[in-house]
């Protein structure tokens, strides 16, 4: 069977930088409609200490998810024949949400819109979306691997794009976590021993389906038909800490590798404290107490949580040597892992050819 090789990457990092001070004027409420009693400077500082976020990136008013997905994909396709793509898979969860209008627009799919914008004529470039929560880009890569290994495809582009700033409730403290962005990869069939080595995915919907969901604003004086992203952060933390390390180990076992073989772990970033705890729990599974300082790149402190875009954006920055202190070379093993709405978790093991 052919191997699935990442041959190019691209990303779109929004230019609008939103510092934590942006939220000092917000009025925050709790789930039970009561005002948060802490002063805003204390709220902002507490969130910073937990999540590690100092600033985040928002798109400007005129852009949509399609726009930034297209720009990331165009970046990844530079110098490449676009007509050679067998699939375009776009991981996203909210469609084209317009500025000032929370009505989602998901027909046609973002992937079809991107194909249209790329002016691809080939009718056999199949384009579709994956709404899989934050792990959507990894799941798209898993699907691309299946297509390539089956012989059904030779070249697949996977994009993760999201504009969370437009679906976050300004009266919910969690709004300070969310951000915007897009990342893309092109995966191609190859005859090397490298590429995607293994992957594992799971959905724990029986007890945890609603830990991330859409709901009305927490502001009791602003209750319309609008729905915003909501989450039970503490429960998600406990679930992720318990489950993500197990899935990563399963993927490494499936690849026949040990944690000591891993050069980098690219983990979805919604909370730096949570990621550090997950990493420590993973190393504990292997009986290892020393965690290399540079094994887990982080961009959350300046990029925020851009959902499906976080990991492919990090990968693009690393491949282009734009992420300080983090480089990848031939033979390096990288683990990708994410957790998000569903609740969905996945992990993928990749060796650079």
C-alpha atoms as a PDB file:
ATOM      1  CA  UNK A   1       0.000   0.000   0.000  1.00  0.00           C
ATOM      2  CA  UNK A   2       1.208   3.550  -0.658  1.00  0.00           C
ATOM      3  CA  UNK A   3       2.164   5.856   2.206  1.00  0.00           C
ATOM      4  CA  UNK A   4       0.376   9.138   2.869  1.00  0.00           C
ATOM      5  CA  UNK A   5       2.944  11.947   2.736  1.00  0.00           C
ATOM      6  CA  UNK A   6       2.437  15.605   3.608  1.00  0.00           C
ATOM      7  CA  UNK A   7       3.986  17.395   0.635  1.00  0.00           C
ATOM      8  CA  UNK A   8       2.992  20.982   1.451  1.00  0.00           C
ATOM      9  CA  UNK A   9       1.352  23.164   4.084  1.00  0.00           C
ATOM     10  CA  UNK A  10      -0.283  26.569   4.279  1.00  0.00           C
ATOM     11  CA  UNK A  11      -2.105  28.773   6.746  1.00  0.00           C
ATOM     12  CA  UNK A  12      -3.905  32.042   7.221  1.00  0.00           C
ATOM     13  CA  UNK A  13      -3.268  33.817  10.515  1.00  0.00           C
ATOM     14  CA  UNK A  14      -5.637  36.786  10.887  1.00  0.00           C
ATOM     15  CA  UNK A  15      -3.939  40.155  11.150  1.00  0.00           C
ATOM     16  CA  UNK A  16      -6.150  41.623  13.879  1.00  0.00           C
ATOM     17  CA  UNK A  17      -4.496  41.110  17.275  1.00  0.00           C
ATOM     18  CA  UNK A  18      -6.897  41.180  20.255  1.00  0.00           C
ATOM     19  CA  UNK A  19      -5.133  41.668  23.621  1.00  0.00           C
ATOM     20  CA  UNK A  20      -6.630  40.611  26.940  1.00  0.00           C
ATOM     21  CA  UNK A  21      -7.350  44.271  27.721  1.00  0.00           C
ATOM     22  CA  UNK A  22     -10.003  44.131  24.960  1.00  0.00           C
ATOM     23  CA  UNK A  23     -12.336  42.368  27.428  1.00  0.00           C
ATOM     24  CA  UNK A  24     -12.006  44.763  30.352  1.00  0.00           C
ATOM     25  CA  UNK A  25     -15.216  46.514  29.320  1.00  0.00           C
ATOM     26  CA  UNK A  26     -17.334  43.347  28.962  1.00  0.00           C
ATOM     27  CA  UNK A  27     -20.197  42.527  31.311  1.00  0.00           C
ATOM     28  CA  UNK A  28     -19.934  38.876  32.319  1.00  0.00           C
ATOM     29  CA  UNK A  29     -22.718  36.620  33.602  1.00  0.00           C
ATOM     30  CA  UNK A  30     -22.805  33.055  34.903  1.00  0.00           C
ATOM     31  CA  UNK A  31     -24.935  30.210  33.563  1.00  0.00           C
ATOM     32  CA  UNK A  32     -27.670  31.047  36.093  1.00  0.00           C
ATOM     33  CA  UNK A  33     -28.059  34.649  34.829  1.00  0.00           C
ATOM     34  CA  UNK A  34     -26.189  36.326  37.696  1.00  0.00           C
ATOM     35  CA  UNK A  35     -23.463  38.897  37.252  1.00  0.00           C
ATOM     36  CA  UNK A  36     -19.927  37.659  37.819  1.00  0.00           C
ATOM     37  CA  UNK A  37     -18.911  39.386  41.022  1.00  0.00           C
ATOM     38  CA  UNK A  38     -15.161  39.588  40.416  1.00  0.00           C
ATOM     39  CA  UNK A  39     -13.854  42.797  38.831  1.00  0.00           C
ATOM     40  CA  UNK A  40     -12.928  42.400  35.172  1.00  0.00           C
ATOM     41  CA  UNK A  41      -9.152  42.869  35.655  1.00  0.00           C
ATOM     42  CA  UNK A  42      -9.218  39.908  38.038  1.00  0.00           C
ATOM     43  CA  UNK A  43     -11.333  37.823  35.630  1.00  0.00           C
ATOM     44  CA  UNK A  44      -8.953  38.532  32.760  1.00  0.00           C
ATOM     45  CA  UNK A  45      -5.857  37.801  34.845  1.00  0.00           C
ATOM     46  CA  UNK A  46      -7.317  34.519  36.135  1.00  0.00           C
ATOM     47  CA  UNK A  47      -8.124  33.334  32.632  1.00  0.00           C
ATOM     48  CA  UNK A  48      -4.639  34.285  31.465  1.00  0.00           C
ATOM     49  CA  UNK A  49      -3.042  32.314  34.293  1.00  0.00           C
ATOM     50  CA  UNK A  50      -5.092  29.217  33.442  1.00  0.00           C
ATOM     51  CA  UNK A  51      -5.072  29.273  29.637  1.00  0.00           C
ATOM     52  CA  UNK A  52      -1.800  31.062  28.926  1.00  0.00           C
ATOM     53  CA  UNK A  53      -3.567  33.339  26.435  1.00  0.00           C
ATOM     54  CA  UNK A  54      -2.243  36.907  26.274  1.00  0.00           C
ATOM     55  CA  UNK A  55      -3.796  37.752  22.924  1.00  0.00           C
ATOM     56  CA  UNK A  56      -5.704  36.092  20.122  1.00  0.00           C
ATOM     57  CA  UNK A  57      -6.330  36.666  16.406  1.00  0.00           C
ATOM     58  CA  UNK A  58      -9.625  37.744  14.838  1.00  0.00           C
ATOM     59  CA  UNK A  59     -10.503  38.112  11.161  1.00  0.00           C
ATOM     60  CA  UNK A  60     -11.589  41.490   9.938  1.00  0.00           C
ATOM     61  CA  UNK A  61     -15.257  42.193   9.315  1.00  0.00           C
ATOM     62  CA  UNK A  62     -15.250  41.442   5.596  1.00  0.00           C
ATOM     63  CA  UNK A  63     -13.858  37.892   5.744  1.00  0.00           C
ATOM     64  CA  UNK A  64     -15.685  34.572   6.075  1.00  0.00           C
ATOM     65  CA  UNK A  65     -14.586  31.024   6.864  1.00  0.00           C
ATOM     66  CA  UNK A  66     -14.574  30.309   3.133  1.00  0.00           C
ATOM     67  CA  UNK A  67     -12.197  33.225   2.556  1.00  0.00           C
ATOM     68  CA  UNK A  68      -9.608  32.118   5.096  1.00  0.00           C
ATOM     69  CA  UNK A  69      -9.929  28.435   4.114  1.00  0.00           C
ATOM     70  CA  UNK A  70      -9.325  29.455   0.507  1.00  0.00           C
ATOM     71  CA  UNK A  71      -6.268  31.540   1.455  1.00  0.00           C
ATOM     72  CA  UNK A  72      -4.738  28.714   3.497  1.00  0.00           C
ATOM     73  CA  UNK A  73      -5.431  26.231   0.701  1.00  0.00           C
ATOM     74  CA  UNK A  74      -4.036  28.549  -1.950  1.00  0.00           C
ATOM     75  CA  UNK A  75      -0.912  28.906   0.146  1.00  0.00           C
ATOM     76  CA  UNK A  76      -0.516  25.120   0.399  1.00  0.00           C
ATOM     77  CA  UNK A  77      -1.081  24.677  -3.359  1.00  0.00           C
ATOM     78  CA  UNK A  78       1.559  27.173  -4.447  1.00  0.00           C
ATOM     79  CA  UNK A  79       3.358  25.815  -7.517  1.00  0.00           C
ATOM     80  CA  UNK A  80       1.088  22.751  -7.676  1.00  0.00           C
ATOM     81  CA  UNK A  81      -1.454  21.581 -10.260  1.00  0.00           C
ATOM     82  CA  UNK A  82      -4.805  22.169  -8.552  1.00  0.00           C
ATOM     83  CA  UNK A  83      -6.604  19.911 -11.017  1.00  0.00           C
ATOM     84  CA  UNK A  84      -4.630  16.962  -9.609  1.00  0.00           C
ATOM     85  CA  UNK A  85      -6.524  17.022  -6.309  1.00  0.00           C
ATOM     86  CA  UNK A  86      -8.777  14.014  -5.788  1.00  0.00           C
ATOM     87  CA  UNK A  87     -10.402  15.398  -2.640  1.00  0.00           C
ATOM     88  CA  UNK A  88     -10.766  18.686  -0.801  1.00  0.00           C
ATOM     89  CA  UNK A  89     -11.785  18.061   2.811  1.00  0.00           C
ATOM     90  CA  UNK A  90     -12.590  21.068   4.994  1.00  0.00           C
ATOM     91  CA  UNK A  91     -12.923  20.670   8.742  1.00  0.00           C
ATOM     92  CA  UNK A  92     -15.188  23.382  10.160  1.00  0.00           C
ATOM     93  CA  UNK A  93     -18.122  23.584  12.537  1.00  0.00           C
ATOM     94  CA  UNK A  94     -20.119  26.784  11.993  1.00  0.00           C
ATOM     95  CA  UNK A  95     -20.095  27.504   8.264  1.00  0.00           C
ATOM     96  CA  UNK A  96     -19.862  31.037   6.911  1.00  0.00           C
ATOM     97  CA  UNK A  97     -21.018  33.153   9.847  1.00  0.00           C
ATOM     98  CA  UNK A  98     -21.266  36.753   8.693  1.00  0.00           C
ATOM     99  CA  UNK A  99     -20.152  39.632  10.921  1.00  0.00           C
ATOM    100  CA  UNK A 100     -23.176  40.870  12.866  1.00  0.00           C
ATOM    101  CA  UNK A 101     -25.346  37.914  11.791  1.00  0.00           C
ATOM    102  CA  UNK A 102     -25.181  34.641  13.727  1.00  0.00           C
ATOM    103  CA  UNK A 103     -27.186  32.709  11.131  1.00  0.00           C
ATOM    104  CA  UNK A 104     -24.892  29.943   9.841  1.00  0.00           C
ATOM    105  CA  UNK A 105     -24.529  29.408   6.114  1.00  0.00           C
ATOM    106  CA  UNK A 106     -23.403  25.861   5.278  1.00  0.00           C
ATOM    107  CA  UNK A 107     -24.987  25.172   1.877  1.00  0.00           C
ATOM    108  CA  UNK A 108     -23.083  24.686  -0.332  1.00  0.00           C
ATOM    109  CA  UNK A 109     -20.280  23.259   1.778  1.00  0.00           C
ATOM    110  CA  UNK A 110     -17.228  25.346   2.568  1.00  0.00           C
ATOM    111  CA  UNK A 111     -15.180  22.774   0.624  1.00  0.00           C
ATOM    112  CA  UNK A 112     -17.297  23.321  -2.509  1.00  0.00           C
ATOM    113  CA  UNK A 113     -16.946  27.076  -2.093  1.00  0.00           C
ATOM    114  CA  UNK A 114     -13.172  26.705  -1.766  1.00  0.00           C
ATOM    115  CA  UNK A 115     -13.048  24.513  -4.891  1.00  0.00           C
ATOM    116  CA  UNK A 116     -15.058  27.181  -6.718  1.00  0.00           C
ATOM    117  CA  UNK A 117     -12.702  29.929  -5.530  1.00  0.00           C
ATOM    118  CA  UNK A 118      -9.683  27.868  -6.633  1.00  0.00           C
ATOM    119  CA  UNK A 119     -11.285  27.600 -10.109  1.00  0.00           C
ATOM    120  CA  UNK A 120     -10.792  23.833 -10.223  1.00  0.00           C
ATOM    121  CA  UNK A 121     -12.584  22.363 -13.264  1.00  0.00           C
ATOM    122  CA  UNK A 122     -11.979  18.665 -12.530  1.00  0.00           C
ATOM    123  CA  UNK A 123     -15.404  17.186 -11.577  1.00  0.00           C
ATOM    124  CA  UNK A 124     -13.657  14.293  -9.813  1.00  0.00           C
ATOM    125  CA  UNK A 125     -12.091  16.610  -7.246  1.00  0.00           C
ATOM    126  CA  UNK A 126     -14.624  15.683  -4.584  1.00  0.00           C
ATOM    127  CA  UNK A 127     -15.217  18.417  -1.999  1.00  0.00           C
ATOM    128  CA  UNK A 128     -16.941  18.011   1.364  1.00  0.00           C
ATOM    129  CA  UNK A 129     -16.888  19.243   4.978  1.00  0.00           C
ATOM    130  CA  UNK A 130     -16.333  17.534   8.316  1.00  0.00           C
ATOM    131  CA  UNK A 131     -18.057  18.967  11.407  1.00  0.00           C
ATOM    132  CA  UNK A 132     -16.069  16.999  14.014  1.00  0.00           C
ATOM    133  CA  UNK A 133     -15.289  19.606  16.648  1.00  0.00           C
ATOM    134  CA  UNK A 134     -11.724  20.723  17.259  1.00  0.00           C
ATOM    135  CA  UNK A 135     -10.285  17.325  16.130  1.00  0.00           C
ATOM    136  CA  UNK A 136     -11.738  17.890  12.641  1.00  0.00           C
ATOM    137  CA  UNK A 137      -8.472  18.550  10.798  1.00  0.00           C
ATOM    138  CA  UNK A 138      -6.867  15.388  12.191  1.00  0.00           C
ATOM    139  CA  UNK A 139      -9.993  13.427  11.260  1.00  0.00           C
ATOM    140  CA  UNK A 140      -9.740  14.835   7.744  1.00  0.00           C
ATOM    141  CA  UNK A 141      -6.136  13.632   7.604  1.00  0.00           C
ATOM    142  CA  UNK A 142      -7.258  10.185   8.777  1.00  0.00           C
ATOM    143  CA  UNK A 143      -9.837  10.057   5.989  1.00  0.00           C
ATOM    144  CA  UNK A 144      -7.246  11.210   3.454  1.00  0.00           C
ATOM    145  CA  UNK A 145      -4.976   8.388   4.615  1.00  0.00           C
ATOM    146  CA  UNK A 146      -7.753   5.843   4.046  1.00  0.00           C
ATOM    147  CA  UNK A 147      -8.420   7.171   0.538  1.00  0.00           C
ATOM    148  CA  UNK A 148      -4.741   7.067  -0.395  1.00  0.00           C
ATOM    149  CA  UNK A 149      -4.039   3.644   1.107  1.00  0.00           C
ATOM    150  CA  UNK A 150      -7.061   2.183  -0.675  1.00  0.00           C
ATOM    151  CA  UNK A 151      -5.726   3.430  -4.009  1.00  0.00           C
ATOM    152  CA  UNK A 152      -8.804   5.568  -4.543  1.00  0.00           C
ATOM    153  CA  UNK A 153      -6.843   8.836  -4.365  1.00  0.00           C
ATOM    154  CA  UNK A 154      -3.342  10.101  -5.040  1.00  0.00           C
ATOM    155  CA  UNK A 155      -3.561  13.654  -3.695  1.00  0.00           C
ATOM    156  CA  UNK A 156      -5.862  15.160  -1.044  1.00  0.00           C
ATOM    157  CA  UNK A 157      -6.008  18.632   0.477  1.00  0.00           C
ATOM    158  CA  UNK A 158      -7.220  18.892   4.077  1.00  0.00           C
ATOM    159  CA  UNK A 159      -8.109  22.318   5.510  1.00  0.00           C
ATOM    160  CA  UNK A 160      -9.103  23.316   9.024  1.00  0.00           C
ATOM    161  CA  UNK A 161     -10.804  26.731   9.193  1.00  0.00           C
ATOM    162  CA  UNK A 162     -12.892  28.451  11.822  1.00  0.00           C
ATOM    163  CA  UNK A 163     -14.121  31.895  12.867  1.00  0.00           C
ATOM    164  CA  UNK A 164     -14.986  31.414  16.529  1.00  0.00           C
ATOM    165  CA  UNK A 165     -14.983  35.121  17.362  1.00  0.00           C
ATOM    166  CA  UNK A 166     -18.448  35.418  15.783  1.00  0.00           C
ATOM    167  CA  UNK A 167     -20.039  32.554  17.712  1.00  0.00           C
ATOM    168  CA  UNK A 168     -18.624  33.380  21.159  1.00  0.00           C
ATOM    169  CA  UNK A 169     -20.870  35.054  23.734  1.00  0.00           C
ATOM    170  CA  UNK A 170     -19.317  38.372  24.897  1.00  0.00           C
ATOM    171  CA  UNK A 171     -21.102  37.891  28.244  1.00  0.00           C
ATOM    172  CA  UNK A 172     -19.472  34.494  28.854  1.00  0.00           C
ATOM    173  CA  UNK A 173     -15.970  34.494  30.375  1.00  0.00           C
ATOM    174  CA  UNK A 174     -15.018  31.688  27.967  1.00  0.00           C
ATOM    175  CA  UNK A 175     -15.298  34.118  25.035  1.00  0.00           C
ATOM    176  CA  UNK A 176     -11.722  35.194  25.804  1.00  0.00           C
ATOM    177  CA  UNK A 177     -10.431  31.757  24.767  1.00  0.00           C
ATOM    178  CA  UNK A 178     -11.732  31.672  21.206  1.00  0.00           C
ATOM    179  CA  UNK A 179      -9.982  32.864  18.050  1.00  0.00           C
ATOM    180  CA  UNK A 180      -9.961  32.586  14.252  1.00  0.00           C
ATOM    181  CA  UNK A 181      -7.649  31.012  11.693  1.00  0.00           C
ATOM    182  CA  UNK A 182      -7.100  28.446   8.945  1.00  0.00           C
ATOM    183  CA  UNK A 183      -4.469  25.830   8.163  1.00  0.00           C
ATOM    184  CA  UNK A 184      -4.067  23.476   5.207  1.00  0.00           C
ATOM    185  CA  UNK A 185      -2.057  20.443   4.155  1.00  0.00           C
ATOM    186  CA  UNK A 186      -1.704  18.541   0.903  1.00  0.00           C
ATOM    187  CA  UNK A 187      -1.246  14.787   1.321  1.00  0.00           C
ATOM    188  CA  UNK A 188       0.087  12.621  -1.503  1.00  0.00           C
ATOM    189  CA  UNK A 189       0.642   8.920  -2.130  1.00  0.00           C
ATOM    190  CA  UNK A 190       4.304   7.906  -1.836  1.00  0.00           C
ATOM    191  CA  UNK A 191       6.447   4.780  -1.700  1.00  0.00           C
ATOM    192  CA  UNK A 192       8.469   5.712   1.389  1.00  0.00           C
ATOM    193  CA  UNK A 193       8.408   4.105   4.827  1.00  0.00           C
ATOM    194  CA  UNK A 194       7.482   7.484   6.307  1.00  0.00           C
ATOM    195  CA  UNK A 195       4.216   9.381   6.211  1.00  0.00           C
ATOM    196  CA  UNK A 196       1.127   8.625   8.302  1.00  0.00           C
ATOM    197  CA  UNK A 197       1.990   5.550  10.363  1.00  0.00           C
ATOM    198  CA  UNK A 198      -1.097   5.086  12.527  1.00  0.00           C
ATOM    199  CA  UNK A 199      -4.163   6.800  13.931  1.00  0.00           C
ATOM    200  CA  UNK A 200      -6.875   6.244  16.525  1.00  0.00           C
ATOM    201  CA  UNK A 201     -10.205   8.057  16.979  1.00  0.00           C
ATOM    202  CA  UNK A 202     -13.086   7.720  19.422  1.00  0.00           C
ATOM    203  CA  UNK A 203     -16.397   9.402  20.256  1.00  0.00           C
ATOM    204  CA  UNK A 204     -17.672   9.367  23.841  1.00  0.00           C
ATOM    205  CA  UNK A 205     -21.213  10.562  23.215  1.00  0.00           C
ATOM    206  CA  UNK A 206     -23.110   8.492  25.787  1.00  0.00           C
ATOM    207  CA  UNK A 207     -22.218  10.657  28.784  1.00  0.00           C
ATOM    208  CA  UNK A 208     -20.248  13.540  27.269  1.00  0.00           C
ATOM    209  CA  UNK A 209     -22.015  14.608  24.066  1.00  0.00           C
ATOM    210  CA  UNK A 210     -23.115  17.994  25.446  1.00  0.00           C
ATOM    211  CA  UNK A 211     -19.935  19.186  27.181  1.00  0.00           C
ATOM    212  CA  UNK A 212     -19.505  21.496  24.162  1.00  0.00           C
ATOM    213  CA  UNK A 213     -22.680  22.828  22.584  1.00  0.00           C
ATOM    214  CA  UNK A 214     -24.563  25.847  21.309  1.00  0.00           C
ATOM    215  CA  UNK A 215     -26.761  27.855  23.667  1.00  0.00           C
ATOM    216  CA  UNK A 216     -28.241  31.323  24.283  1.00  0.00           C
ATOM    217  CA  UNK A 217     -26.269  34.242  25.676  1.00  0.00           C
ATOM    218  CA  UNK A 218     -25.664  34.288  29.429  1.00  0.00           C
ATOM    219  CA  UNK A 219     -26.943  37.871  29.449  1.00  0.00           C
ATOM    220  CA  UNK A 220     -30.599  37.635  30.612  1.00  0.00           C
ATOM    221  CA  UNK A 221     -31.265  41.028  29.003  1.00  0.00           C
ATOM    222  CA  UNK A 222     -30.047  39.812  25.609  1.00  0.00           C
ATOM    223  CA  UNK A 223     -32.057  36.698  24.880  1.00  0.00           C
ATOM    224  CA  UNK A 224     -32.905  36.401  21.211  1.00  0.00           C
ATOM    225  CA  UNK A 225     -32.696  33.510  18.777  1.00  0.00           C
ATOM    226  CA  UNK A 226     -28.908  33.705  18.623  1.00  0.00           C
ATOM    227  CA  UNK A 227     -26.917  30.678  19.743  1.00  0.00           C
ATOM    228  CA  UNK A 228     -23.314  30.835  20.966  1.00  0.00           C
ATOM    229  CA  UNK A 229     -20.654  28.240  21.688  1.00  0.00           C
ATOM    230  CA  UNK A 230     -20.858  27.027  25.298  1.00  0.00           C
ATOM    231  CA  UNK A 231     -18.755  24.556  27.239  1.00  0.00           C
ATOM    232  CA  UNK A 232     -18.436  22.887  30.619  1.00  0.00           C
ATOM    233  CA  UNK A 233     -14.768  23.664  30.975  1.00  0.00           C
ATOM    234  CA  UNK A 234     -14.082  21.785  34.203  1.00  0.00           C
ATOM    235  CA  UNK A 235     -15.728  18.589  32.943  1.00  0.00           C
ATOM    236  CA  UNK A 236     -13.901  18.838  29.609  1.00  0.00           C
ATOM    237  CA  UNK A 237     -10.627  19.229  31.505  1.00  0.00           C
ATOM    238  CA  UNK A 238     -11.271  16.032  33.499  1.00  0.00           C
ATOM    239  CA  UNK A 239     -12.400  14.113  30.411  1.00  0.00           C
ATOM    240  CA  UNK A 240      -9.419  15.205  28.302  1.00  0.00           C
ATOM    241  CA  UNK A 241      -6.902  14.490  31.058  1.00  0.00           C
ATOM    242  CA  UNK A 242      -8.267  10.975  31.458  1.00  0.00           C
ATOM    243  CA  UNK A 243      -8.710  10.083  27.792  1.00  0.00           C
ATOM    244  CA  UNK A 244      -6.276  11.919  25.493  1.00  0.00           C
ATOM    245  CA  UNK A 245      -3.098  10.241  26.858  1.00  0.00           C
ATOM    246  CA  UNK A 246      -4.691   6.810  26.353  1.00  0.00           C
ATOM    247  CA  UNK A 247      -5.547   7.556  22.715  1.00  0.00           C
ATOM    248  CA  UNK A 248      -2.035   8.875  22.015  1.00  0.00           C
ATOM    249  CA  UNK A 249      -0.514   5.722  23.510  1.00  0.00           C
ATOM    250  CA  UNK A 250      -2.883   3.550  21.462  1.00  0.00           C
ATOM    251  CA  UNK A 251      -1.754   5.316  18.273  1.00  0.00           C
ATOM    252  CA  UNK A 252       1.936   4.927  19.164  1.00  0.00           C
ATOM    253  CA  UNK A 253       1.400   1.251  20.019  1.00  0.00           C
ATOM    254  CA  UNK A 254      -0.347   0.778  16.688  1.00  0.00           C
ATOM    255  CA  UNK A 255       2.657   2.333  14.940  1.00  0.00           C
ATOM    256  CA  UNK A 256       5.038   0.098  16.896  1.00  0.00           C
ATOM    257  CA  UNK A 257       6.724   3.096  18.494  1.00  0.00           C
ATOM    258  CA  UNK A 258       7.552   4.262  22.000  1.00  0.00           C
ATOM    259  CA  UNK A 259       7.203   7.759  23.408  1.00  0.00           C
ATOM    260  CA  UNK A 260      10.983   8.035  23.259  1.00  0.00           C
ATOM    261  CA  UNK A 261      10.761   7.913  19.447  1.00  0.00           C
ATOM    262  CA  UNK A 262       8.645  11.083  19.333  1.00  0.00           C
ATOM    263  CA  UNK A 263      10.256  14.395  18.364  1.00  0.00           C
ATOM    264  CA  UNK A 264       7.194  16.655  18.704  1.00  0.00           C
ATOM    265  CA  UNK A 265       3.643  16.443  20.019  1.00  0.00           C
ATOM    266  CA  UNK A 266       1.270  18.870  18.322  1.00  0.00           C
ATOM    267  CA  UNK A 267      -1.724  19.067  20.632  1.00  0.00           C
ATOM    268  CA  UNK A 268      -4.882  21.099  20.161  1.00  0.00           C
ATOM    269  CA  UNK A 269      -4.647  24.189  22.330  1.00  0.00           C
ATOM    270  CA  UNK A 270      -7.607  25.523  24.266  1.00  0.00           C
ATOM    271  CA  UNK A 271      -5.934  25.724  27.647  1.00  0.00           C
ATOM    272  CA  UNK A 272      -2.177  25.667  28.284  1.00  0.00           C
ATOM    273  CA  UNK A 273      -2.647  24.324  31.801  1.00  0.00           C
ATOM    274  CA  UNK A 274      -4.741  21.436  30.455  1.00  0.00           C
ATOM    275  CA  UNK A 275      -2.214  20.625  27.721  1.00  0.00           C
ATOM    276  CA  UNK A 276       0.631  20.556  30.246  1.00  0.00           C
ATOM    277  CA  UNK A 277      -1.398  18.211  32.454  1.00  0.00           C
ATOM    278  CA  UNK A 278      -2.225  15.917  29.515  1.00  0.00           C
ATOM    279  CA  UNK A 279       1.435  15.804  28.516  1.00  0.00           C
ATOM    280  CA  UNK A 280       2.489  14.937  32.088  1.00  0.00           C
ATOM    281  CA  UNK A 281      -0.153  12.180  32.240  1.00  0.00           C
ATOM    282  CA  UNK A 282       1.065  10.778  28.902  1.00  0.00           C
ATOM    283  CA  UNK A 283       4.667  10.608  30.108  1.00  0.00           C
ATOM    284  CA  UNK A 284       3.456   8.997  33.327  1.00  0.00           C
ATOM    285  CA  UNK A 285       1.851   6.195  31.272  1.00  0.00           C
ATOM    286  CA  UNK A 286       5.345   5.376  30.031  1.00  0.00           C
ATOM    287  CA  UNK A 287       6.916   5.716  33.479  1.00  0.00           C
ATOM    288  CA  UNK A 288       8.957   8.729  32.357  1.00  0.00           C
ATOM    289  CA  UNK A 289       9.380  11.643  34.748  1.00  0.00           C
ATOM    290  CA  UNK A 290      11.488  14.005  32.607  1.00  0.00           C
ATOM    291  CA  UNK A 291       9.552  15.852  29.880  1.00  0.00           C
ATOM    292  CA  UNK A 292      11.705  17.542  27.194  1.00  0.00           C
ATOM    293  CA  UNK A 293      11.153  21.289  27.231  1.00  0.00           C
ATOM    294  CA  UNK A 294      10.696  21.537  23.473  1.00  0.00           C
ATOM    295  CA  UNK A 295       8.503  18.511  22.748  1.00  0.00           C
ATOM    296  CA  UNK A 296       5.155  20.388  22.681  1.00  0.00           C
ATOM    297  CA  UNK A 297       5.129  23.610  20.625  1.00  0.00           C
ATOM    298  CA  UNK A 298       2.621  26.201  21.835  1.00  0.00           C
ATOM    299  CA  UNK A 299       1.054  29.130  20.002  1.00  0.00           C
ATOM    300  CA  UNK A 300      -1.975  29.606  22.254  1.00  0.00           C
ATOM    301  CA  UNK A 301      -0.395  32.560  24.083  1.00  0.00           C
ATOM    302  CA  UNK A 302      -0.643  34.740  20.944  1.00  0.00           C
ATOM    303  CA  UNK A 303      -3.085  32.845  18.689  1.00  0.00           C
ATOM    304  CA  UNK A 304      -5.780  31.706  21.132  1.00  0.00           C
ATOM    305  CA  UNK A 305      -7.969  28.669  20.433  1.00  0.00           C
ATOM    306  CA  UNK A 306      -8.708  28.549  16.707  1.00  0.00           C
ATOM    307  CA  UNK A 307     -10.282  25.076  16.910  1.00  0.00           C
ATOM    308  CA  UNK A 308      -9.578  22.982  13.786  1.00  0.00           C
ATOM    309  CA  UNK A 309      -7.009  25.528  12.564  1.00  0.00           C
ATOM    310  CA  UNK A 310      -4.640  25.337  15.553  1.00  0.00           C
ATOM    311  CA  UNK A 311      -2.673  22.183  14.688  1.00  0.00           C
ATOM    312  CA  UNK A 312      -2.308  22.711  10.901  1.00  0.00           C
ATOM    313  CA  UNK A 313      -1.274  26.318  11.582  1.00  0.00           C
ATOM    314  CA  UNK A 314       1.439  25.122  13.990  1.00  0.00           C
ATOM    315  CA  UNK A 315       2.586  22.539  11.459  1.00  0.00           C
ATOM    316  CA  UNK A 316       2.804  25.151   8.706  1.00  0.00           C
ATOM    317  CA  UNK A 317       4.838  27.494  10.910  1.00  0.00           C
ATOM    318  CA  UNK A 318       7.217  24.659  11.784  1.00  0.00           C
ATOM    319  CA  UNK A 319       7.614  23.463   8.194  1.00  0.00           C
ATOM    320  CA  UNK A 320       8.401  27.011   7.123  1.00  0.00           C
ATOM    321  CA  UNK A 321      10.800  27.426  10.093  1.00  0.00           C
ATOM    322  CA  UNK A 322       8.748  30.297  11.489  1.00  0.00           C
ATOM    323  CA  UNK A 323       8.110  28.811  14.935  1.00  0.00           C
ATOM    324  CA  UNK A 324      11.069  29.760  17.084  1.00  0.00           C
ATOM    325  CA  UNK A 325      12.852  26.874  18.769  1.00  0.00           C
ATOM    326  CA  UNK A 326      11.016  24.187  16.811  1.00  0.00           C
ATOM    327  CA  UNK A 327      12.376  22.441  13.709  1.00  0.00           C
ATOM    328  CA  UNK A 328      11.534  19.201  11.960  1.00  0.00           C
ATOM    329  CA  UNK A 329      13.909  16.998   9.954  1.00  0.00           C
ATOM    330  CA  UNK A 330      13.709  13.837   7.875  1.00  0.00           C
ATOM    331  CA  UNK A 331      12.979  10.827  10.077  1.00  0.00           C
ATOM    332  CA  UNK A 332      11.408  12.822  12.915  1.00  0.00           C
ATOM    333  CA  UNK A 333       8.225  11.366  14.400  1.00  0.00           C
ATOM    334  CA  UNK A 334       5.380  13.767  15.172  1.00  0.00           C
ATOM    335  CA  UNK A 335       2.203  12.992  17.114  1.00  0.00           C
ATOM    336  CA  UNK A 336      -0.937  15.029  16.428  1.00  0.00           C
ATOM    337  CA  UNK A 337      -3.807  14.870  18.926  1.00  0.00           C
ATOM    338  CA  UNK A 338      -6.986  16.779  19.692  1.00  0.00           C
ATOM    339  CA  UNK A 339     -10.158  16.722  21.774  1.00  0.00           C
ATOM    340  CA  UNK A 340     -13.407  18.555  21.125  1.00  0.00           C
ATOM    341  CA  UNK A 341     -17.159  18.633  20.663  1.00  0.00           C
ATOM    342  CA  UNK A 342     -18.845  15.290  20.446  1.00  0.00           C
ATOM    343  CA  UNK A 343     -16.922  14.437  22.589  1.00  0.00           C
ATOM    344  CA  UNK A 344     -14.370  13.410  19.997  1.00  0.00           C
ATOM    345  CA  UNK A 345     -10.715  12.541  20.474  1.00  0.00           C
ATOM    346  CA  UNK A 346      -8.147  11.440  17.917  1.00  0.00           C
ATOM    347  CA  UNK A 347      -4.409  10.990  17.507  1.00  0.00           C
ATOM    348  CA  UNK A 348      -2.185  10.486  14.472  1.00  0.00           C
ATOM    349  CA  UNK A 349       1.447   9.383  14.239  1.00  0.00           C
ATOM    350  CA  UNK A 350       3.522  10.739  11.349  1.00  0.00           C
ATOM    351  CA  UNK A 351       7.147  10.230  10.316  1.00  0.00           C
ATOM    352  CA  UNK A 352       8.766  12.825   8.074  1.00  0.00           C
ATOM    353  CA  UNK A 353      10.163  11.168   4.939  1.00  0.00           C
END
